[in-house]
Amino acid sequence: MSEHILVLGATGVTGLAFCTTALKAGHQLTLYVRNPSKLPAEISGDSKVTVIEGLLSDATGLQKAAASGAKIFVSFAGPTYGSKGTPVTDAMKLIFPLLIENHFKRALVLGTCSFTAPEDKGALKWKASVVLIKIIGGTAFQEFQGLGAFVSSQEVSQLKWTLFRVPFLGNGPEKPVHASYTGSGEDGMFLSRQSIVTWVLTELKEDSDWVGKTPVLSNW
């Protein structure tokens, strides 16, 4: 079934892969981007694509994007190198009420294990990875921790959200994805970006088992 999807983070590596695959599958896209020139012509020039230029902090731009007619929201947005504060978390706090106001039926948001879910059992490898992020990631830990806390606090009766948390990413081929929680025994540390794309596209449905949940994805 073809859907109209609003995408944040479309100019990143994973976002571009998602757009390409989604268009091949027949979906319509509205892309909210800071720099449209980063979009390849085969994406920006596609008749099924609408590009809206704006910053994550631009409430007016986000309102325009939410009112585009899309009914599915997908975010691959994350902190960029050298970024300060929590711009992605702040943007989610702006856009979620707009998604609800415009009757979006699904929201899928990328996060990491910097946010700990109640279902996590924990493991030394995850604790070590979080320490590493705290040391070299600048404000990335605070960003993803805040993002996870905000998204997971939202009422699924108003918007059927999923926060999909990712481990270390690579550009390898698509492989089967395991969705679980830390310490489950199926919580691998690596995931290809194309695997994320395929998993997200299968999760657009409203009756997904992962609605209102925060799984860790991996190619374990």
N, C-alpha and C. Protein backbone atom coordinates (compact mmCIF):
# COMPACT_ATOMS: atom_id res chain seq x y z
N MET A 1 0.84 -1.20 0.00
CA MET A 1 0.00 0.00 0.00
C MET A 1 0.87 1.25 0.00
N SER A 2 0.57 2.17 -0.90
CA SER A 2 1.34 3.41 -1.00
C SER A 2 0.96 4.35 0.13
N GLU A 3 1.97 4.98 0.73
CA GLU A 3 1.76 5.92 1.82
C GLU A 3 2.42 7.26 1.48
N HIS A 4 1.95 8.31 2.15
CA HIS A 4 2.60 9.62 2.06
C HIS A 4 3.39 9.80 3.35
N ILE A 5 4.72 9.88 3.23
CA ILE A 5 5.62 9.85 4.38
C ILE A 5 6.36 11.18 4.50
N LEU A 6 6.32 11.76 5.70
CA LEU A 6 7.12 12.94 6.02
C LEU A 6 8.43 12.46 6.63
N VAL A 7 9.55 12.91 6.06
CA VAL A 7 10.86 12.41 6.48
C VAL A 7 11.73 13.54 7.02
N LEU A 8 12.28 13.34 8.21
CA LEU A 8 13.33 14.19 8.77
C LEU A 8 14.65 13.42 8.66
N GLY A 9 15.74 14.15 8.43
CA GLY A 9 17.03 13.49 8.29
C GLY A 9 17.21 12.84 6.94
N ALA A 10 16.55 13.36 5.93
CA ALA A 10 16.56 12.73 4.61
C ALA A 10 17.89 12.86 3.88
N THR A 11 18.74 13.82 4.27
CA THR A 11 19.99 14.02 3.54
C THR A 11 21.16 13.23 4.14
N GLY A 12 20.94 12.53 5.23
CA GLY A 12 21.97 11.66 5.79
C GLY A 12 22.08 10.38 4.98
N VAL A 13 23.07 9.57 5.29
CA VAL A 13 23.29 8.33 4.53
C VAL A 13 22.07 7.41 4.62
N THR A 14 21.57 7.21 5.84
CA THR A 14 20.41 6.33 6.01
C THR A 14 19.16 6.97 5.40
N GLY A 15 19.00 8.26 5.59
CA GLY A 15 17.84 8.96 5.03
C GLY A 15 17.78 8.88 3.52
N LEU A 16 18.91 9.04 2.86
CA LEU A 16 18.94 8.95 1.40
C LEU A 16 18.60 7.54 0.93
N ALA A 17 19.13 6.55 1.65
CA ALA A 17 18.82 5.16 1.29
C ALA A 17 17.33 4.88 1.47
N PHE A 18 16.76 5.45 2.54
CA PHE A 18 15.32 5.27 2.78
C PHE A 18 14.51 5.90 1.65
N CYS A 19 14.85 7.13 1.27
CA CYS A 19 14.10 7.82 0.21
C CYS A 19 14.15 7.03 -1.10
N THR A 20 15.32 6.56 -1.46
CA THR A 20 15.47 5.81 -2.71
C THR A 20 14.61 4.54 -2.69
N THR A 21 14.67 3.81 -1.59
CA THR A 21 13.92 2.56 -1.48
C THR A 21 12.42 2.81 -1.40
N ALA A 22 12.03 3.84 -0.65
CA ALA A 22 10.61 4.16 -0.50
C ALA A 22 9.99 4.58 -1.83
N LEU A 23 10.73 5.34 -2.61
CA LEU A 23 10.22 5.77 -3.92
C LEU A 23 10.06 4.57 -4.86
N LYS A 24 11.02 3.65 -4.82
CA LYS A 24 10.91 2.45 -5.65
C LYS A 24 9.69 1.62 -5.26
N ALA A 25 9.32 1.71 -3.98
CA ALA A 25 8.15 0.97 -3.49
C ALA A 25 6.85 1.69 -3.78
N GLY A 26 6.92 2.90 -4.37
CA GLY A 26 5.72 3.62 -4.76
C GLY A 26 5.19 4.61 -3.76
N HIS A 27 5.95 4.88 -2.70
CA HIS A 27 5.49 5.84 -1.69
C HIS A 27 5.70 7.28 -2.14
N GLN A 28 4.90 8.18 -1.59
CA GLN A 28 5.04 9.62 -1.79
C GLN A 28 5.79 10.20 -0.60
N LEU A 29 6.71 11.14 -0.84
CA LEU A 29 7.54 11.67 0.24
C LEU A 29 7.47 13.19 0.33
N THR A 30 7.42 13.69 1.55
CA THR A 30 7.67 15.10 1.83
C THR A 30 8.93 15.14 2.68
N LEU A 31 9.94 15.85 2.22
CA LEU A 31 11.24 15.88 2.88
C LEU A 31 11.45 17.26 3.50
N TYR A 32 11.64 17.28 4.81
CA TYR A 32 11.93 18.53 5.51
C TYR A 32 13.44 18.57 5.76
N VAL A 33 14.14 19.46 5.05
CA VAL A 33 15.60 19.44 5.06
C VAL A 33 16.16 20.85 5.25
N ARG A 34 17.31 20.90 5.86
CA ARG A 34 18.00 22.18 6.05
C ARG A 34 18.66 22.64 4.75
N ASN A 35 19.22 21.70 4.01
CA ASN A 35 19.98 22.03 2.80
C ASN A 35 19.52 21.15 1.64
N PRO A 36 18.55 21.61 0.83
CA PRO A 36 18.03 20.81 -0.28
C PRO A 36 19.09 20.42 -1.31
N SER A 37 20.18 21.18 -1.40
CA SER A 37 21.21 20.88 -2.39
C SER A 37 21.90 19.55 -2.11
N LYS A 38 21.74 19.02 -0.90
CA LYS A 38 22.34 17.73 -0.56
C LYS A 38 21.52 16.55 -1.09
N LEU A 39 20.35 16.83 -1.63
CA LEU A 39 19.52 15.77 -2.19
C LEU A 39 19.91 15.50 -3.63
N PRO A 40 20.16 14.26 -4.00
CA PRO A 40 20.45 13.93 -5.39
C PRO A 40 19.27 14.28 -6.29
N ALA A 41 19.56 14.60 -7.53
CA ALA A 41 18.50 15.01 -8.47
C ALA A 41 17.45 13.93 -8.66
N GLU A 42 17.88 12.65 -8.58
CA GLU A 42 16.91 11.58 -8.79
C GLU A 42 15.90 11.49 -7.66
N ILE A 43 16.21 12.09 -6.51
CA ILE A 43 15.25 12.15 -5.41
C ILE A 43 14.47 13.46 -5.46
N SER A 44 15.17 14.60 -5.46
CA SER A 44 14.50 15.90 -5.43
C SER A 44 13.64 16.14 -6.67
N GLY A 45 14.04 15.53 -7.81
CA GLY A 45 13.30 15.74 -9.04
C GLY A 45 12.19 14.75 -9.29
N ASP A 46 12.02 13.81 -8.38
CA ASP A 46 10.97 12.81 -8.55
C ASP A 46 9.60 13.45 -8.34
N SER A 47 8.64 13.09 -9.18
CA SER A 47 7.30 13.69 -9.11
C SER A 47 6.58 13.34 -7.81
N LYS A 48 7.04 12.32 -7.11
CA LYS A 48 6.39 11.91 -5.86
C LYS A 48 7.05 12.55 -4.64
N VAL A 49 7.95 13.51 -4.88
CA VAL A 49 8.71 14.13 -3.79
C VAL A 49 8.40 15.62 -3.68
N THR A 50 8.12 16.08 -2.46
CA THR A 50 8.01 17.50 -2.15
C THR A 50 9.10 17.85 -1.15
N VAL A 51 9.85 18.90 -1.43
CA VAL A 51 10.94 19.30 -0.55
C VAL A 51 10.57 20.61 0.14
N ILE A 52 10.66 20.61 1.46
CA ILE A 52 10.42 21.81 2.25
C ILE A 52 11.72 22.16 2.97
N GLU A 53 12.22 23.35 2.74
CA GLU A 53 13.47 23.78 3.36
C GLU A 53 13.18 24.43 4.71
N GLY A 54 13.95 24.05 5.73
CA GLY A 54 13.76 24.65 7.03
C GLY A 54 14.68 24.06 8.07
N LEU A 55 14.81 24.76 9.17
CA LEU A 55 15.63 24.30 10.29
C LEU A 55 14.78 23.51 11.28
N LEU A 56 15.43 22.68 12.07
CA LEU A 56 14.72 21.92 13.09
C LEU A 56 14.07 22.83 14.12
N SER A 57 14.62 24.01 14.28
CA SER A 57 14.09 24.95 15.27
C SER A 57 12.99 25.86 14.72
N ASP A 58 12.66 25.70 13.45
CA ASP A 58 11.69 26.57 12.77
C ASP A 58 10.28 26.02 12.95
N ALA A 59 9.55 26.54 13.91
CA ALA A 59 8.20 26.05 14.19
C ALA A 59 7.27 26.22 13.00
N THR A 60 7.43 27.32 12.26
CA THR A 60 6.58 27.57 11.09
C THR A 60 6.86 26.55 10.00
N GLY A 61 8.14 26.26 9.78
CA GLY A 61 8.51 25.27 8.77
C GLY A 61 8.01 23.89 9.13
N LEU A 62 8.14 23.51 10.39
CA LEU A 62 7.66 22.21 10.84
C LEU A 62 6.14 22.12 10.71
N GLN A 63 5.46 23.23 10.98
CA GLN A 63 4.01 23.24 10.84
C GLN A 63 3.60 23.03 9.38
N LYS A 64 4.34 23.64 8.47
CA LYS A 64 4.07 23.46 7.04
C LYS A 64 4.31 22.01 6.63
N ALA A 65 5.38 21.42 7.16
CA ALA A 65 5.68 20.03 6.83
C ALA A 65 4.61 19.09 7.35
N ALA A 66 4.15 19.33 8.58
CA ALA A 66 3.14 18.47 9.19
C ALA A 66 1.80 18.59 8.46
N ALA A 67 1.56 19.73 7.83
CA ALA A 67 0.31 19.97 7.11
C ALA A 67 0.40 19.59 5.63
N SER A 68 1.45 18.86 5.24
CA SER A 68 1.71 18.53 3.84
C SER A 68 0.75 17.49 3.27
N GLY A 69 0.01 16.83 4.13
CA GLY A 69 -0.87 15.75 3.69
C GLY A 69 -0.31 14.37 4.02
N ALA A 70 0.93 14.33 4.48
CA ALA A 70 1.52 13.05 4.88
C ALA A 70 0.80 12.52 6.12
N LYS A 71 0.81 11.19 6.28
CA LYS A 71 0.18 10.57 7.45
C LYS A 71 1.13 9.64 8.20
N ILE A 72 2.34 9.48 7.67
CA ILE A 72 3.38 8.69 8.32
C ILE A 72 4.57 9.61 8.54
N PHE A 73 5.15 9.58 9.73
CA PHE A 73 6.33 10.39 10.05
C PHE A 73 7.49 9.46 10.35
N VAL A 74 8.63 9.70 9.67
CA VAL A 74 9.84 8.92 9.90
C VAL A 74 10.99 9.88 10.12
N SER A 75 11.73 9.70 11.21
CA SER A 75 12.87 10.56 11.50
C SER A 75 14.15 9.75 11.61
N PHE A 76 15.13 10.16 10.80
CA PHE A 76 16.49 9.63 10.90
C PHE A 76 17.42 10.71 11.45
N ALA A 77 16.87 11.77 11.96
CA ALA A 77 17.66 12.90 12.42
C ALA A 77 18.45 12.54 13.67
N GLY A 78 19.68 13.02 13.71
CA GLY A 78 20.54 12.82 14.87
C GLY A 78 21.51 13.97 14.98
N PRO A 79 22.23 14.05 16.07
CA PRO A 79 23.19 15.14 16.24
C PRO A 79 24.32 15.06 15.21
N THR A 80 24.72 16.19 14.70
CA THR A 80 25.85 16.23 13.76
C THR A 80 27.13 16.51 14.53
N TYR A 81 28.24 16.27 13.86
CA TYR A 81 29.53 16.46 14.52
C TYR A 81 29.68 17.92 14.98
N GLY A 82 30.00 18.08 16.23
CA GLY A 82 30.22 19.42 16.76
C GLY A 82 28.95 20.14 17.19
N SER A 83 27.80 19.48 17.04
CA SER A 83 26.56 20.14 17.43
C SER A 83 26.47 20.28 18.95
N LYS A 84 25.77 21.28 19.38
CA LYS A 84 25.61 21.53 20.81
C LYS A 84 24.14 21.54 21.18
N GLY A 85 23.87 21.22 22.42
CA GLY A 85 22.49 21.21 22.87
C GLY A 85 21.76 19.96 22.40
N THR A 86 20.45 20.06 22.34
CA THR A 86 19.61 18.93 21.94
C THR A 86 18.61 19.36 20.86
N PRO A 87 19.11 19.74 19.68
CA PRO A 87 18.21 20.26 18.64
C PRO A 87 17.19 19.25 18.13
N VAL A 88 17.55 17.98 18.07
CA VAL A 88 16.62 16.97 17.57
C VAL A 88 15.50 16.74 18.58
N THR A 89 15.86 16.61 19.83
CA THR A 89 14.85 16.45 20.89
C THR A 89 13.92 17.65 20.92
N ASP A 90 14.49 18.83 20.81
CA ASP A 90 13.68 20.05 20.81
C ASP A 90 12.73 20.08 19.62
N ALA A 91 13.21 19.60 18.46
CA ALA A 91 12.36 19.56 17.26
C ALA A 91 11.21 18.58 17.44
N MET A 92 11.48 17.44 18.07
CA MET A 92 10.41 16.46 18.31
C MET A 92 9.33 17.04 19.21
N LYS A 93 9.75 17.83 20.19
CA LYS A 93 8.78 18.45 21.08
C LYS A 93 7.91 19.45 20.34
N LEU A 94 8.45 20.02 19.27
CA LEU A 94 7.67 20.94 18.44
C LEU A 94 6.74 20.20 17.48
N ILE A 95 7.26 19.12 16.87
CA ILE A 95 6.51 18.51 15.78
C ILE A 95 5.49 17.47 16.23
N PHE A 96 5.70 16.81 17.36
CA PHE A 96 4.74 15.78 17.77
C PHE A 96 3.33 16.33 17.94
N PRO A 97 3.13 17.47 18.61
CA PRO A 97 1.78 18.01 18.69
C PRO A 97 1.19 18.34 17.31
N LEU A 98 2.05 18.73 16.38
CA LEU A 98 1.59 19.03 15.02
C LEU A 98 1.18 17.76 14.28
N LEU A 99 1.91 16.68 14.53
CA LEU A 99 1.55 15.40 13.91
C LEU A 99 0.18 14.95 14.41
N ILE A 100 -0.04 15.11 15.70
CA ILE A 100 -1.34 14.73 16.29
C ILE A 100 -2.45 15.62 15.72
N GLU A 101 -2.17 16.90 15.65
CA GLU A 101 -3.15 17.87 15.12
C GLU A 101 -3.53 17.54 13.69
N ASN A 102 -2.57 17.03 12.91
CA ASN A 102 -2.81 16.72 11.50
C ASN A 102 -3.13 15.24 11.26
N HIS A 103 -3.46 14.55 12.32
CA HIS A 103 -3.99 13.19 12.26
C HIS A 103 -3.03 12.19 11.61
N PHE A 104 -1.75 12.28 11.98
CA PHE A 104 -0.80 11.27 11.52
C PHE A 104 -1.14 9.95 12.21
N LYS A 105 -0.97 8.86 11.48
CA LYS A 105 -1.34 7.56 12.04
C LYS A 105 -0.14 6.75 12.52
N ARG A 106 1.08 7.22 12.21
CA ARG A 106 2.26 6.45 12.61
C ARG A 106 3.46 7.38 12.68
N ALA A 107 4.36 7.13 13.64
CA ALA A 107 5.62 7.87 13.77
C ALA A 107 6.71 6.89 14.14
N LEU A 108 7.80 6.88 13.37
CA LEU A 108 8.95 6.03 13.64
C LEU A 108 10.17 6.91 13.77
N VAL A 109 10.81 6.86 14.93
CA VAL A 109 11.90 7.78 15.25
C VAL A 109 13.15 7.01 15.63
N LEU A 110 14.27 7.38 15.01
CA LEU A 110 15.55 6.74 15.29
C LEU A 110 16.12 7.24 16.61
N GLY A 111 16.58 6.28 17.43
CA GLY A 111 17.25 6.60 18.68
C GLY A 111 18.43 5.68 18.89
N THR A 112 19.04 5.71 20.04
CA THR A 112 20.14 4.82 20.39
C THR A 112 19.96 4.31 21.81
N CYS A 113 20.87 3.44 22.22
CA CYS A 113 20.80 2.89 23.58
C CYS A 113 21.34 3.84 24.63
N SER A 114 21.62 5.08 24.25
CA SER A 114 21.86 6.11 25.27
C SER A 114 20.60 6.28 26.12
N PHE A 115 19.46 5.96 25.51
CA PHE A 115 18.20 5.91 26.25
C PHE A 115 17.96 4.48 26.69
N THR A 116 17.75 4.25 27.96
CA THR A 116 17.51 2.92 28.50
C THR A 116 16.01 2.67 28.63
N ALA A 117 15.54 1.60 28.00
CA ALA A 117 14.14 1.25 28.08
C ALA A 117 13.88 0.38 29.30
N PRO A 118 12.68 0.41 29.86
CA PRO A 118 12.36 -0.43 31.02
C PRO A 118 12.58 -1.91 30.76
N GLU A 119 12.43 -2.33 29.49
CA GLU A 119 12.57 -3.75 29.15
C GLU A 119 14.02 -4.18 29.01
N ASP A 120 14.95 -3.24 28.97
CA ASP A 120 16.37 -3.58 28.84
C ASP A 120 16.87 -4.33 30.06
N LYS A 121 17.64 -5.37 29.81
CA LYS A 121 18.26 -6.12 30.89
C LYS A 121 19.71 -5.70 31.09
N GLY A 122 20.21 -4.96 30.11
CA GLY A 122 21.57 -4.46 30.22
C GLY A 122 22.59 -5.54 29.93
N ALA A 123 23.79 -5.12 29.62
CA ALA A 123 24.91 -6.02 29.36
C ALA A 123 26.15 -5.14 29.34
N LEU A 124 27.29 -5.76 29.64
CA LEU A 124 28.54 -5.01 29.71
C LEU A 124 28.84 -4.28 28.41
N LYS A 125 28.55 -4.93 27.27
CA LYS A 125 28.87 -4.31 25.97
C LYS A 125 28.08 -3.02 25.77
N TRP A 126 26.85 -2.98 26.24
CA TRP A 126 26.05 -1.77 26.09
C TRP A 126 26.52 -0.67 27.04
N LYS A 127 26.87 -1.06 28.25
CA LYS A 127 27.39 -0.09 29.20
C LYS A 127 28.68 0.54 28.67
N ALA A 128 29.52 -0.29 28.04
CA ALA A 128 30.78 0.20 27.48
C ALA A 128 30.53 1.14 26.31
N SER A 129 29.53 0.81 25.48
CA SER A 129 29.24 1.67 24.33
C SER A 129 28.70 3.03 24.76
N VAL A 130 27.91 3.05 25.83
CA VAL A 130 27.37 4.31 26.34
C VAL A 130 28.49 5.17 26.91
N VAL A 131 29.42 4.52 27.63
CA VAL A 131 30.58 5.25 28.16
C VAL A 131 31.37 5.87 27.01
N LEU A 132 31.54 5.10 25.93
CA LEU A 132 32.28 5.61 24.77
C LEU A 132 31.59 6.83 24.17
N ILE A 133 30.28 6.77 24.05
CA ILE A 133 29.52 7.90 23.51
C ILE A 133 29.68 9.12 24.40
N LYS A 134 29.64 8.90 25.71
CA LYS A 134 29.80 10.02 26.64
C LYS A 134 31.17 10.68 26.49
N ILE A 135 32.19 9.85 26.18
CA ILE A 135 33.56 10.37 26.09
C ILE A 135 33.80 11.11 24.79
N ILE A 136 33.38 10.52 23.66
CA ILE A 136 33.74 11.08 22.35
C ILE A 136 32.56 11.72 21.61
N GLY A 137 31.36 11.56 22.13
CA GLY A 137 30.20 11.98 21.36
C GLY A 137 29.68 13.37 21.65
N GLY A 138 30.39 14.15 22.45
CA GLY A 138 29.91 15.49 22.76
C GLY A 138 28.57 15.43 23.46
N THR A 139 27.59 16.12 22.90
CA THR A 139 26.26 16.14 23.51
C THR A 139 25.34 15.05 22.97
N ALA A 140 25.91 14.10 22.18
CA ALA A 140 25.09 13.05 21.58
C ALA A 140 24.37 12.21 22.62
N PHE A 141 25.04 11.95 23.76
CA PHE A 141 24.40 11.16 24.80
C PHE A 141 23.17 11.87 25.34
N GLN A 142 23.33 13.14 25.68
CA GLN A 142 22.18 13.90 26.20
C GLN A 142 21.07 14.01 25.14
N GLU A 143 21.48 14.15 23.88
CA GLU A 143 20.50 14.28 22.80
C GLU A 143 19.64 13.02 22.70
N PHE A 144 20.28 11.87 22.57
CA PHE A 144 19.52 10.64 22.39
C PHE A 144 18.81 10.20 23.66
N GLN A 145 19.37 10.52 24.80
CA GLN A 145 18.69 10.21 26.06
C GLN A 145 17.40 11.02 26.17
N GLY A 146 17.50 12.31 25.87
CA GLY A 146 16.32 13.17 25.91
C GLY A 146 15.29 12.80 24.86
N LEU A 147 15.77 12.45 23.68
CA LEU A 147 14.88 12.06 22.58
C LEU A 147 14.08 10.82 22.97
N GLY A 148 14.79 9.82 23.50
CA GLY A 148 14.12 8.59 23.90
C GLY A 148 13.10 8.82 25.00
N ALA A 149 13.48 9.63 25.98
CA ALA A 149 12.58 9.91 27.10
C ALA A 149 11.32 10.63 26.61
N PHE A 150 11.49 11.57 25.69
CA PHE A 150 10.32 12.30 25.20
C PHE A 150 9.40 11.42 24.38
N VAL A 151 9.95 10.75 23.37
CA VAL A 151 9.11 9.94 22.48
C VAL A 151 8.38 8.85 23.26
N SER A 152 9.11 8.18 24.16
CA SER A 152 8.50 7.07 24.90
C SER A 152 7.46 7.53 25.91
N SER A 153 7.38 8.82 26.17
CA SER A 153 6.38 9.34 27.11
C SER A 153 5.06 9.71 26.42
N GLN A 154 5.02 9.60 25.10
CA GLN A 154 3.83 10.02 24.37
C GLN A 154 2.74 8.95 24.38
N GLU A 155 1.50 9.40 24.34
CA GLU A 155 0.35 8.50 24.38
C GLU A 155 0.13 7.87 23.00
N VAL A 156 0.15 6.55 22.93
CA VAL A 156 -0.06 5.88 21.65
C VAL A 156 -1.49 6.03 21.17
N SER A 157 -2.39 6.37 22.07
CA SER A 157 -3.78 6.60 21.65
C SER A 157 -3.90 7.84 20.77
N GLN A 158 -2.92 8.75 20.89
CA GLN A 158 -2.91 9.96 20.07
C GLN A 158 -2.04 9.81 18.82
N LEU A 159 -0.96 9.07 18.95
CA LEU A 159 -0.05 8.84 17.82
C LEU A 159 0.69 7.54 18.06
N LYS A 160 0.58 6.63 17.11
CA LYS A 160 1.20 5.30 17.26
C LYS A 160 2.69 5.39 16.90
N TRP A 161 3.49 5.58 17.92
CA TRP A 161 4.92 5.79 17.72
C TRP A 161 5.72 4.52 17.99
N THR A 162 6.91 4.48 17.39
CA THR A 162 7.94 3.49 17.71
C THR A 162 9.27 4.21 17.73
N LEU A 163 10.04 4.03 18.78
CA LEU A 163 11.41 4.53 18.85
C LEU A 163 12.32 3.33 18.57
N PHE A 164 12.91 3.28 17.38
CA PHE A 164 13.80 2.17 17.05
C PHE A 164 15.24 2.59 17.33
N ARG A 165 15.86 1.86 18.27
CA ARG A 165 17.21 2.20 18.70
C ARG A 165 18.23 1.40 17.91
N VAL A 166 19.30 2.06 17.50
CA VAL A 166 20.28 1.41 16.64
C VAL A 166 21.65 1.34 17.32
N PRO A 167 22.43 0.29 17.01
CA PRO A 167 23.79 0.17 17.52
C PRO A 167 24.78 0.81 16.55
N PHE A 168 25.96 0.23 16.39
CA PHE A 168 26.95 0.75 15.44
C PHE A 168 26.48 0.45 14.02
N LEU A 169 26.52 1.48 13.16
CA LEU A 169 25.98 1.36 11.81
C LEU A 169 27.08 1.16 10.77
N GLY A 170 26.73 0.41 9.72
CA GLY A 170 27.65 0.19 8.62
C GLY A 170 26.93 0.29 7.30
N ASN A 171 27.69 0.27 6.21
CA ASN A 171 27.11 0.41 4.87
C ASN A 171 27.06 -0.92 4.12
N GLY A 172 27.02 -2.01 4.86
CA GLY A 172 26.96 -3.33 4.24
C GLY A 172 25.61 -3.61 3.63
N PRO A 173 25.45 -4.83 3.11
CA PRO A 173 24.19 -5.20 2.45
C PRO A 173 23.06 -5.40 3.45
N GLU A 174 21.87 -5.45 2.91
CA GLU A 174 20.71 -5.73 3.75
C GLU A 174 20.80 -7.15 4.31
N LYS A 175 20.50 -7.27 5.60
CA LYS A 175 20.49 -8.57 6.26
C LYS A 175 19.25 -8.64 7.15
N PRO A 176 18.88 -9.84 7.60
CA PRO A 176 17.73 -9.94 8.52
C PRO A 176 17.95 -9.09 9.77
N VAL A 177 16.88 -8.46 10.22
CA VAL A 177 16.94 -7.58 11.39
C VAL A 177 16.30 -8.27 12.59
N HIS A 178 17.00 -8.23 13.72
CA HIS A 178 16.45 -8.70 14.98
C HIS A 178 16.04 -7.48 15.80
N ALA A 179 14.81 -7.44 16.24
CA ALA A 179 14.33 -6.37 17.11
C ALA A 179 14.13 -6.96 18.49
N SER A 180 14.83 -6.42 19.48
CA SER A 180 14.78 -6.99 20.82
C SER A 180 15.11 -5.89 21.83
N TYR A 181 15.62 -6.28 22.99
CA TYR A 181 16.07 -5.34 24.01
C TYR A 181 17.45 -5.76 24.49
N THR A 182 18.18 -4.85 25.11
CA THR A 182 19.53 -5.18 25.54
C THR A 182 19.49 -6.32 26.57
N GLY A 183 20.48 -7.21 26.43
CA GLY A 183 20.56 -8.34 27.34
C GLY A 183 19.66 -9.50 26.97
N SER A 184 19.00 -9.42 25.81
CA SER A 184 18.06 -10.47 25.41
C SER A 184 18.75 -11.68 24.80
N GLY A 185 20.01 -11.51 24.41
CA GLY A 185 20.71 -12.57 23.71
C GLY A 185 20.63 -12.43 22.20
N GLU A 186 19.75 -11.55 21.73
CA GLU A 186 19.62 -11.28 20.30
C GLU A 186 19.93 -9.81 20.01
N ASP A 187 20.67 -9.20 20.91
CA ASP A 187 20.95 -7.77 20.83
C ASP A 187 22.36 -7.55 20.30
N GLY A 188 22.51 -7.71 19.00
CA GLY A 188 23.81 -7.52 18.37
C GLY A 188 24.25 -6.07 18.37
N MET A 189 25.53 -5.85 18.11
CA MET A 189 26.11 -4.51 18.19
C MET A 189 26.24 -3.81 16.84
N PHE A 190 25.84 -4.51 15.75
CA PHE A 190 26.04 -3.93 14.43
C PHE A 190 24.78 -4.05 13.58
N LEU A 191 24.64 -3.09 12.68
CA LEU A 191 23.43 -3.01 11.84
C LEU A 191 23.77 -2.24 10.57
N SER A 192 23.37 -2.79 9.43
CA SER A 192 23.59 -2.06 8.18
C SER A 192 22.46 -1.06 7.96
N ARG A 193 22.80 0.04 7.35
CA ARG A 193 21.80 1.09 7.11
C ARG A 193 20.67 0.61 6.21
N GLN A 194 21.01 -0.21 5.21
CA GLN A 194 19.95 -0.71 4.34
C GLN A 194 19.00 -1.62 5.09
N SER A 195 19.51 -2.29 6.12
CA SER A 195 18.64 -3.12 6.95
C SER A 195 17.63 -2.26 7.72
N ILE A 196 18.09 -1.10 8.19
CA ILE A 196 17.18 -0.16 8.87
C ILE A 196 16.05 0.25 7.93
N VAL A 197 16.44 0.60 6.71
CA VAL A 197 15.47 1.07 5.72
C VAL A 197 14.38 0.03 5.50
N THR A 198 14.79 -1.21 5.27
CA THR A 198 13.83 -2.27 5.01
C THR A 198 12.92 -2.49 6.22
N TRP A 199 13.50 -2.48 7.42
CA TRP A 199 12.70 -2.70 8.62
C TRP A 199 11.68 -1.59 8.81
N VAL A 200 12.10 -0.35 8.65
CA VAL A 200 11.19 0.78 8.83
C VAL A 200 10.03 0.70 7.85
N LEU A 201 10.31 0.35 6.60
CA LEU A 201 9.25 0.28 5.60
C LEU A 201 8.25 -0.83 5.91
N THR A 202 8.66 -1.85 6.64
CA THR A 202 7.71 -2.90 7.02
C THR A 202 6.91 -2.51 8.26
N GLU A 203 7.33 -1.42 8.94
CA GLU A 203 6.70 -1.01 10.19
C GLU A 203 5.75 0.18 10.03
N LEU A 204 5.41 0.52 8.81
CA LEU A 204 4.51 1.65 8.59
C LEU A 204 3.08 1.33 9.03
N LYS A 205 2.77 0.08 9.14
CA LYS A 205 1.40 -0.34 9.45
C LYS A 205 1.02 0.03 10.89
N GLU A 206 -0.24 0.33 11.07
CA GLU A 206 -0.74 0.77 12.38
C GLU A 206 -0.84 -0.36 13.40
N ASP A 207 -0.90 -1.60 12.92
CA ASP A 207 -1.06 -2.72 13.85
C ASP A 207 0.27 -3.42 14.14
N SER A 208 1.37 -2.71 13.97
CA SER A 208 2.68 -3.29 14.25
C SER A 208 2.79 -3.71 15.71
N ASP A 209 3.50 -4.80 15.93
CA ASP A 209 3.75 -5.26 17.31
C ASP A 209 4.64 -4.30 18.08
N TRP A 210 5.30 -3.38 17.36
CA TRP A 210 6.25 -2.47 18.00
C TRP A 210 5.68 -1.08 18.26
N VAL A 211 4.39 -0.91 18.10
CA VAL A 211 3.75 0.36 18.44
C VAL A 211 3.90 0.60 19.94
N GLY A 212 4.37 1.80 20.30
CA GLY A 212 4.52 2.15 21.70
C GLY A 212 5.71 1.48 22.37
N LYS A 213 6.66 0.99 21.57
CA LYS A 213 7.81 0.28 22.13
C LYS A 213 9.12 0.86 21.60
N THR A 214 10.22 0.41 22.22
CA THR A 214 11.54 0.99 21.93
C THR A 214 12.58 -0.09 21.64
N PRO A 215 12.39 -0.87 20.58
CA PRO A 215 13.29 -2.00 20.33
C PRO A 215 14.70 -1.56 19.90
N VAL A 216 15.64 -2.45 20.16
CA VAL A 216 17.00 -2.32 19.63
C VAL A 216 17.07 -3.18 18.38
N LEU A 217 17.52 -2.59 17.28
CA LEU A 217 17.65 -3.34 16.02
C LEU A 217 19.09 -3.80 15.84
N SER A 218 19.27 -4.98 15.28
CA SER A 218 20.62 -5.43 14.96
C SER A 218 20.57 -6.51 13.89
N ASN A 219 21.73 -6.79 13.30
CA ASN A 219 21.87 -7.89 12.35
C ASN A 219 22.45 -9.12 13.02
N TRP A 220 22.19 -9.27 14.32
CA TRP A 220 22.72 -10.38 15.09
C TRP A 220 22.43 -11.71 14.41
